[in-house]
Amino acid sequence: MKNIYILLFSLLFFTCGNTEQKTETVKETTITSNQIKISTQQFKNEAMQLGELSEQTFNTVINVNGMIDVPPENKSSVSTFVGGYVTKIPLLIGDKVKKGQLVAILKNTEFIKIQQQYLEISAQLNFLKNEYQRQKTLFDEKITSQKNYLKAESNYKVSLASYNGLGKKLQMMNINPNSVKQGNITSTINLYAPISGYVTKVNVSNGSFVSSSSELLEIINTDHIHLELSVFEKDILKIKKNQKIEFKIPEASDKTYEATVHLVGTSINADRTIKVHGHINDEESNNFISGMYIEAAIICDVKKEISLPKSAIKKSEDVYFALVLKEQKDDYYLFEKTKLNIGLQNENYAQIVDDTLLQNKKILTNGNFMLSDDFNDE
């Protein structure tokens, strides 16, 4: 019985000893008033880092919207001033074409009538010219009346005007007048690409009828693609030629591209904006498409200011602060919460307007996100 009591007492003593040992674990973070103490172990575990104030570059920017565009001379519609039925349309959207390449063929009996009229007037013209010259000679010799002379002159000049007009019309239809004179009459006309570029619109198909001035195709040459930005009236005086532009195409990529202000518009649109033309840097290496929506930042000014990394700055109830190292021992770091006055900001840094309290101080620059809950408790 005595041995049993001794065994029970030993177990009880062992259990109490373990409980007492568990309560002696060290608290890694301690908050006192405006200070926070972090154990050296936690500092290492969370990969925390110390840093100092540094001078960084800040840009004053104007945020604008716009689109990728091309100059007017790099955009062309393929149309016809005479109607006809499409017999050939060999292109698709995205096809590359060269200036002068065949893009469509139209057919219409009206084309034949125009060529007939040209041949008829051409045949009459020699007779009318000879009659005019004969009447002029007779009139000069006072053998014929002025009336006959003027009538012959009128008939010749009217026919000559019709002949020249029909000849130009045939040329616009891409029909050679000399070929027509040789008896080569055709019921079709060819349409050719007016510029080199890419097909961006195809509005017809084989067999469809196109009226005069209808757009069959659109071709865009992207060799001189640029930015067309809309800047509000209140900001336009800040925009100058050669300023840097950073822009993104939000629907396509998060990548930032660069451009330069080339031209600033001189008239205000109905929405109180002014157009700004920007040249894209290294445009050939990017597959930009005319009409793409862009978001851009025009850099108007560049300054260097004393700053801290944004990772070193925390915010609580509209107050910004950082943790400044007050004391460092072998087993802990003691930081003091210091209010900040924030100025300019860029992607990674924020300007510290009044940096007196932070000069030559060590500041927690990395890892303080692990203490966010502790910050908000104060």
Protein backbone atom coordinates (compact mmCIF):
# COMPACT_ATOMS: atom_id res chain seq x y z
CA MET A 1 0.00 0.00 0.00
CA LYS A 2 2.84 2.37 0.85
CA ASN A 3 4.42 1.75 -2.57
CA ILE A 4 1.12 2.64 -4.29
CA TYR A 5 0.98 6.03 -2.50
CA ILE A 6 4.54 6.78 -3.51
CA LEU A 7 3.76 5.98 -7.19
CA LEU A 8 0.64 8.19 -7.26
CA PHE A 9 2.52 11.09 -5.66
CA SER A 10 5.29 10.79 -8.27
CA LEU A 11 2.79 10.91 -11.18
CA LEU A 12 1.06 13.94 -9.68
CA PHE A 13 4.37 15.79 -9.25
CA PHE A 14 5.41 15.00 -12.86
CA THR A 15 2.10 16.28 -14.28
CA CYS A 16 2.26 19.53 -12.32
CA GLY A 17 5.83 20.07 -13.47
CA ASN A 18 4.83 19.82 -17.16
CA THR A 19 1.96 22.29 -16.70
CA GLU A 20 4.25 24.78 -15.06
CA GLN A 21 6.80 24.37 -17.90
CA LYS A 22 4.20 25.11 -20.62
CA THR A 23 3.23 28.43 -19.08
CA GLU A 24 6.82 29.67 -19.37
CA THR A 25 6.80 30.07 -23.25
CA VAL A 26 8.12 33.41 -24.39
CA LYS A 27 5.70 35.85 -26.02
CA GLU A 28 7.19 36.86 -29.40
CA THR A 29 5.42 40.24 -29.81
CA THR A 30 4.75 42.73 -27.03
CA ILE A 31 2.85 46.01 -27.45
CA THR A 32 3.34 48.77 -24.90
CA SER A 33 1.84 52.23 -25.44
CA ASN A 34 3.30 53.47 -28.74
CA GLN A 35 5.96 50.80 -28.95
CA ILE A 36 6.17 47.25 -30.17
CA LYS A 37 8.75 44.66 -29.14
CA ILE A 38 9.57 41.81 -31.51
CA SER A 39 11.66 38.82 -30.53
CA THR A 40 14.79 38.12 -32.51
CA GLN A 41 13.37 34.72 -33.41
CA GLN A 42 10.22 36.21 -34.91
CA PHE A 43 12.28 38.82 -36.76
CA LYS A 44 14.22 36.02 -38.45
CA ASN A 45 11.25 33.74 -39.03
CA GLU A 46 9.27 36.45 -40.82
CA ALA A 47 12.29 37.59 -42.88
CA MET A 48 11.94 41.12 -41.55
CA GLN A 49 14.40 43.74 -42.77
CA LEU A 50 15.64 47.15 -41.68
CA GLY A 51 16.23 50.10 -43.99
CA GLU A 52 16.69 53.87 -44.10
CA LEU A 53 15.35 56.89 -45.93
CA SER A 54 16.48 57.12 -49.54
CA GLU A 55 16.17 59.51 -52.46
CA GLN A 56 13.82 58.29 -55.17
CA THR A 57 12.40 59.62 -58.44
CA PHE A 58 8.75 60.67 -58.59
CA ASN A 59 6.80 61.58 -61.70
CA THR A 60 4.02 64.15 -61.91
CA VAL A 61 1.60 62.56 -64.36
CA ILE A 62 -1.66 63.30 -66.13
CA ASN A 63 -3.79 60.20 -66.57
CA VAL A 64 -5.65 60.10 -69.88
CA ASN A 65 -7.47 57.69 -72.17
CA GLY A 66 -7.21 57.23 -75.89
CA MET A 67 -6.74 54.74 -78.69
CA ILE A 68 -4.23 53.30 -81.11
CA ASP A 69 -4.67 55.02 -84.47
CA VAL A 70 -3.01 55.63 -87.83
CA PRO A 71 -2.65 58.84 -89.88
CA PRO A 72 -5.52 59.54 -92.31
CA GLU A 73 -3.28 58.79 -95.31
CA ASN A 74 -2.63 55.30 -93.91
CA LYS A 75 -6.30 54.35 -93.89
CA SER A 76 -8.14 53.81 -97.16
CA SER A 77 -11.54 52.59 -98.31
CA VAL A 78 -11.89 50.66 -101.55
CA SER A 79 -15.03 51.87 -103.32
CA THR A 80 -16.39 52.51 -106.79
CA PHE A 81 -18.22 55.48 -108.32
CA VAL A 82 -20.17 53.14 -110.62
CA GLY A 83 -22.36 50.31 -109.35
CA GLY A 84 -21.91 46.67 -110.25
CA TYR A 85 -22.12 43.05 -109.18
CA VAL A 86 -19.16 41.53 -107.36
CA THR A 87 -17.69 38.63 -109.34
CA LYS A 88 -14.46 38.26 -107.39
CA ILE A 89 -13.42 39.25 -103.85
CA PRO A 90 -10.33 37.16 -103.01
CA LEU A 91 -9.42 38.71 -99.64
CA LEU A 92 -10.23 38.08 -95.98
CA ILE A 93 -9.87 40.30 -92.94
CA GLY A 94 -6.23 40.27 -91.85
CA ASP A 95 -4.81 39.61 -95.32
CA LYS A 96 -1.79 41.70 -96.25
CA VAL A 97 -1.99 43.55 -99.56
CA LYS A 98 0.38 45.65 -101.64
CA LYS A 99 -0.48 48.89 -103.37
CA GLY A 100 -1.86 48.11 -106.84
CA GLN A 101 -2.89 44.53 -105.97
CA LEU A 102 -6.22 43.30 -107.38
CA VAL A 103 -8.81 43.25 -104.59
CA ALA A 104 -12.17 42.95 -106.41
CA ILE A 105 -13.85 42.60 -109.81
CA LEU A 106 -17.24 44.15 -110.66
CA LYS A 107 -19.53 43.41 -113.60
CA ASN A 108 -22.27 45.56 -115.15
CA THR A 109 -23.71 46.16 -118.63
CA GLU A 110 -23.48 49.89 -117.91
CA PHE A 111 -19.72 49.56 -118.29
CA ILE A 112 -20.28 48.52 -121.91
CA LYS A 113 -22.50 51.55 -122.59
CA ILE A 114 -19.85 53.96 -121.34
CA GLN A 115 -17.26 52.40 -123.64
CA GLN A 116 -19.70 52.55 -126.57
CA GLN A 117 -20.29 56.25 -125.95
CA TYR A 118 -16.55 56.82 -125.89
CA LEU A 119 -16.07 55.02 -129.21
CA GLU A 120 -18.96 56.88 -130.87
CA ILE A 121 -17.68 60.30 -129.83
CA SER A 122 -14.13 59.31 -130.78
CA ALA A 123 -15.37 58.42 -134.28
CA GLN A 124 -17.29 61.71 -134.64
CA LEU A 125 -14.48 63.84 -133.32
CA ASN A 126 -12.26 63.71 -136.41
CA PHE A 127 -15.15 64.78 -138.65
CA LEU A 128 -16.17 67.61 -136.31
CA LYS A 129 -12.58 68.79 -136.01
CA ASN A 130 -12.11 68.88 -139.79
CA GLU A 131 -15.45 70.68 -140.23
CA TYR A 132 -14.49 73.24 -137.60
CA GLN A 133 -11.14 73.92 -139.30
CA ARG A 134 -12.83 74.17 -142.72
CA GLN A 135 -15.46 76.61 -141.47
CA LYS A 136 -12.73 78.67 -139.77
CA THR A 137 -10.80 78.95 -143.05
CA LEU A 138 -13.94 79.94 -144.96
CA PHE A 139 -14.87 82.46 -142.30
CA ASP A 140 -11.38 83.98 -142.36
CA GLU A 141 -11.72 84.36 -146.15
CA LYS A 142 -15.21 85.81 -145.66
CA ILE A 143 -16.74 83.04 -147.74
CA THR A 144 -19.06 81.63 -145.02
CA SER A 145 -21.12 83.27 -142.31
CA GLN A 146 -20.03 83.68 -138.72
CA LYS A 147 -23.05 81.61 -137.67
CA ASN A 148 -21.83 78.53 -139.53
CA TYR A 149 -18.33 78.98 -138.16
CA LEU A 150 -19.51 79.32 -134.54
CA LYS A 151 -21.81 76.31 -134.87
CA ALA A 152 -18.96 74.13 -136.17
CA GLU A 153 -16.71 75.38 -133.37
CA SER A 154 -19.37 74.63 -130.75
CA ASN A 155 -20.07 71.11 -132.04
CA TYR A 156 -16.38 70.26 -132.06
CA LYS A 157 -15.59 71.63 -128.59
CA VAL A 158 -18.66 70.01 -126.99
CA SER A 159 -17.72 66.64 -128.46
CA LEU A 160 -14.09 67.12 -127.45
CA ALA A 161 -15.16 67.79 -123.85
CA SER A 162 -17.36 64.67 -123.84
CA TYR A 163 -14.52 62.64 -125.33
CA ASN A 164 -12.03 63.79 -122.70
CA GLY A 165 -14.57 63.32 -119.90
CA LEU A 166 -15.43 59.78 -120.94
CA GLY A 167 -11.73 58.99 -121.30
CA LYS A 168 -11.10 60.12 -117.69
CA LYS A 169 -14.12 58.15 -116.54
CA LEU A 170 -12.76 55.00 -118.18
CA GLN A 171 -9.41 55.56 -116.48
CA MET A 172 -11.15 55.90 -113.11
CA MET A 173 -12.86 52.58 -113.88
CA ASN A 174 -9.40 51.12 -114.55
CA ILE A 175 -10.24 50.65 -118.24
CA ASN A 176 -7.58 51.73 -120.74
CA PRO A 177 -9.12 54.15 -123.31
CA ASN A 178 -6.55 53.11 -125.94
CA SER A 179 -7.62 49.49 -125.52
CA VAL A 180 -11.25 50.53 -126.05
CA LYS A 181 -10.27 52.38 -129.25
CA GLN A 182 -8.84 49.09 -130.50
CA GLY A 183 -12.25 47.48 -130.02
CA ASN A 184 -11.60 45.74 -126.68
CA ILE A 185 -14.85 46.32 -124.80
CA THR A 186 -15.30 44.67 -121.40
CA SER A 187 -18.25 44.22 -119.04
CA THR A 188 -16.03 44.03 -115.95
CA ILE A 189 -13.79 46.43 -114.08
CA ASN A 190 -10.95 45.71 -111.67
CA LEU A 191 -10.50 47.41 -108.31
CA TYR A 192 -6.96 47.72 -106.93
CA ALA A 193 -5.53 48.42 -103.48
CA PRO A 194 -4.83 52.17 -103.17
CA ILE A 195 -2.24 51.60 -100.40
CA SER A 196 -0.22 48.77 -98.90
CA GLY A 197 -1.43 47.40 -95.59
CA TYR A 198 -3.85 44.95 -94.01
CA VAL A 199 -7.50 44.32 -94.80
CA THR A 200 -9.58 45.39 -91.77
CA LYS A 201 -13.09 45.26 -93.27
CA VAL A 202 -14.79 43.20 -95.99
CA ASN A 203 -18.34 44.44 -96.58
CA VAL A 204 -19.32 42.41 -99.69
CA SER A 205 -19.32 38.88 -101.06
CA ASN A 206 -19.48 37.29 -104.51
CA GLY A 207 -22.75 38.09 -106.27
CA SER A 208 -23.68 41.08 -104.13
CA PHE A 209 -24.50 44.39 -105.81
CA VAL A 210 -22.60 47.48 -104.75
CA SER A 211 -23.87 50.94 -105.52
CA SER A 212 -21.72 53.91 -106.37
CA SER A 213 -19.56 55.13 -103.46
CA SER A 214 -20.23 51.94 -101.44
CA GLU A 215 -17.28 50.73 -99.37
CA LEU A 216 -16.18 47.24 -100.38
CA LEU A 217 -13.03 46.97 -98.26
CA GLU A 218 -11.00 48.92 -95.75
CA ILE A 219 -7.21 48.76 -95.76
CA ILE A 220 -5.00 50.12 -92.98
CA ASN A 221 -1.24 50.58 -93.15
CA THR A 222 0.22 50.22 -89.65
CA ASP A 223 3.72 51.47 -90.52
CA HIS A 224 3.09 54.76 -88.69
CA ILE A 225 0.77 53.65 -85.91
CA HIS A 226 0.45 56.17 -83.05
CA LEU A 227 -1.46 57.17 -79.92
CA GLU A 228 -4.46 59.48 -80.14
CA LEU A 229 -5.09 60.76 -76.60
CA SER A 230 -7.86 62.94 -75.17
CA VAL A 231 -6.61 65.46 -72.58
CA PHE A 232 -9.01 67.61 -70.56
CA GLU A 233 -8.84 71.36 -70.97
CA LYS A 234 -7.63 71.92 -67.39
CA ASP A 235 -4.50 69.84 -68.01
CA ILE A 236 -3.53 70.82 -71.55
CA LEU A 237 -1.12 73.65 -70.60
CA LYS A 238 1.05 71.08 -68.80
CA ILE A 239 1.53 69.02 -71.96
CA LYS A 240 4.66 69.70 -74.02
CA LYS A 241 6.27 68.09 -77.03
CA ASN A 242 8.74 65.24 -76.30
CA GLN A 243 7.26 64.44 -72.86
CA LYS A 244 7.34 60.74 -72.01
CA ILE A 245 4.14 58.68 -72.15
CA GLU A 246 3.59 55.35 -70.41
CA PHE A 247 0.54 53.41 -71.58
CA LYS A 248 -1.23 50.08 -71.23
CA ILE A 249 -3.79 48.18 -73.27
CA PRO A 250 -5.99 46.97 -70.37
CA GLU A 251 -8.05 44.54 -72.43
CA ALA A 252 -4.98 42.78 -73.84
CA SER A 253 -2.05 42.96 -71.42
CA ASP A 254 -0.68 44.37 -68.15
CA LYS A 255 2.55 45.32 -69.89
CA THR A 256 3.55 48.99 -69.88
CA TYR A 257 4.69 50.51 -73.18
CA GLU A 258 6.42 53.82 -73.86
CA ALA A 259 5.69 56.67 -76.25
CA THR A 260 6.52 60.36 -76.69
CA VAL A 261 4.30 63.41 -77.12
CA HIS A 262 4.66 64.50 -80.76
CA LEU A 263 1.82 66.96 -81.40
CA VAL A 264 -0.60 68.86 -79.15
CA GLY A 265 -3.94 69.84 -80.66
CA THR A 266 -4.99 73.48 -80.98
CA SER A 267 -8.78 73.11 -80.83
CA ILE A 268 -11.18 71.99 -78.10
CA ASN A 269 -13.72 69.27 -78.83
CA ALA A 270 -17.35 69.30 -77.70
CA ASP A 271 -16.45 67.25 -74.60
CA ARG A 272 -13.85 69.89 -73.59
CA THR A 273 -10.88 67.71 -74.49
CA ILE A 274 -7.90 68.34 -76.75
CA LYS A 275 -6.27 65.69 -78.92
CA VAL A 276 -2.64 64.80 -78.22
CA HIS A 277 -0.68 62.76 -80.75
CA GLY A 278 2.00 60.40 -79.40
CA HIS A 279 4.70 58.44 -81.23
CA ILE A 280 5.15 54.88 -79.97
CA ASN A 281 8.70 53.76 -79.14
CA ASP A 282 9.78 50.56 -80.87
CA GLU A 283 6.39 50.18 -82.55
CA GLU A 284 7.64 47.54 -84.98
CA SER A 285 8.21 44.96 -82.22
CA ASN A 286 4.58 45.11 -81.04
CA ASN A 287 1.47 43.92 -82.82
CA PHE A 288 -0.70 46.93 -82.07
CA ILE A 289 -4.04 47.16 -83.85
CA SER A 290 -5.70 50.39 -84.88
CA GLY A 291 -8.70 51.08 -82.63
CA MET A 292 -7.28 49.49 -79.46
CA TYR A 293 -8.37 51.31 -76.27
CA ILE A 294 -5.49 52.50 -74.09
CA GLU A 295 -4.92 54.00 -70.65
CA ALA A 296 -1.94 56.36 -70.54
CA ALA A 297 0.04 58.55 -68.17
CA ILE A 298 1.78 61.62 -69.58
CA ILE A 299 4.82 62.45 -67.44
CA CYS A 300 4.88 66.24 -67.02
CA ASP A 301 7.57 66.61 -64.35
CA VAL A 302 10.25 64.50 -62.63
CA LYS A 303 11.40 65.12 -59.05
CA LYS A 304 13.76 63.42 -56.59
CA GLU A 305 12.47 63.30 -53.02
CA ILE A 306 13.34 61.63 -49.69
CA SER A 307 11.15 58.56 -49.39
CA LEU A 308 10.40 55.19 -47.84
CA PRO A 309 9.37 51.94 -49.49
CA LYS A 310 5.60 51.48 -49.41
CA SER A 311 6.21 48.19 -47.62
CA ALA A 312 7.50 50.21 -44.64
CA ILE A 313 4.36 52.33 -44.36
CA LYS A 314 1.10 51.37 -42.64
CA LYS A 315 -2.20 53.18 -42.40
CA SER A 316 -4.69 53.25 -39.53
CA GLU A 317 -7.74 55.52 -39.56
CA ASP A 318 -6.28 57.90 -42.17
CA VAL A 319 -2.98 58.13 -40.29
CA TYR A 320 0.23 56.86 -41.88
CA PHE A 321 3.07 55.57 -39.72
CA ALA A 322 6.24 53.49 -39.75
CA LEU A 323 8.12 51.44 -37.16
CA VAL A 324 11.39 53.13 -36.20
CA LEU A 325 14.02 51.05 -34.39
CA LYS A 326 14.53 52.44 -30.88
CA GLU A 327 16.55 49.63 -29.29
CA GLN A 328 18.12 46.38 -30.40
CA LYS A 329 19.27 43.57 -28.06
CA ASP A 330 20.35 40.01 -28.60
CA ASP A 331 16.86 38.66 -27.98
CA TYR A 332 14.55 41.44 -29.19
CA TYR A 333 13.98 44.53 -31.33
CA LEU A 334 12.09 47.50 -29.91
CA PHE A 335 10.26 49.70 -32.43
CA GLU A 336 8.40 52.96 -31.97
CA LYS A 337 5.38 53.88 -34.09
CA THR A 338 6.12 57.21 -35.80
CA LYS A 339 3.50 59.21 -37.74
CA LEU A 340 4.32 60.14 -41.33
CA ASN A 341 3.31 62.93 -43.69
CA ILE A 342 3.03 61.33 -47.13
CA GLY A 343 3.56 63.30 -50.36
CA LEU A 344 4.19 62.05 -53.89
CA GLN A 345 3.93 58.35 -54.61
CA ASN A 346 5.04 55.97 -57.31
CA GLU A 347 4.62 52.24 -57.68
CA ASN A 348 7.06 51.27 -54.91
CA TYR A 349 7.89 54.39 -52.87
CA ALA A 350 6.19 57.27 -51.06
CA GLN A 351 7.67 60.69 -50.37
CA ILE A 352 8.14 61.58 -46.69
CA VAL A 353 7.34 65.31 -46.47
CA ASP A 354 8.75 65.92 -42.96
CA ASP A 355 11.61 63.48 -42.46
CA THR A 356 13.24 65.10 -39.38
CA LEU A 357 12.32 62.28 -37.00
CA LEU A 358 13.54 59.62 -39.41
CA GLN A 359 16.96 60.99 -40.30
CA ASN A 360 19.74 58.43 -39.67
CA LYS A 361 17.19 56.01 -38.20
CA LYS A 362 16.67 52.33 -38.90
CA ILE A 363 13.15 51.55 -40.05
CA LEU A 364 11.32 48.25 -40.46
CA THR A 365 10.95 48.07 -44.26
CA ASN A 366 9.97 44.47 -44.84
CA GLY A 367 7.81 42.03 -42.90
CA ASN A 368 5.68 44.52 -41.01
CA PHE A 369 2.60 43.25 -42.82
CA MET A 370 2.76 40.36 -40.31
CA LEU A 371 2.06 42.90 -37.58
CA SER A 372 -1.00 44.50 -39.22
CA ASP A 373 -3.38 43.33 -36.51
CA ASP A 374 -1.03 44.68 -33.84
CA PHE A 375 -0.98 48.09 -35.57
CA ASN A 376 -4.73 48.31 -35.64
CA ASP A 377 -5.03 47.46 -31.95
CA GLU A 378 -3.38 50.71 -30.97
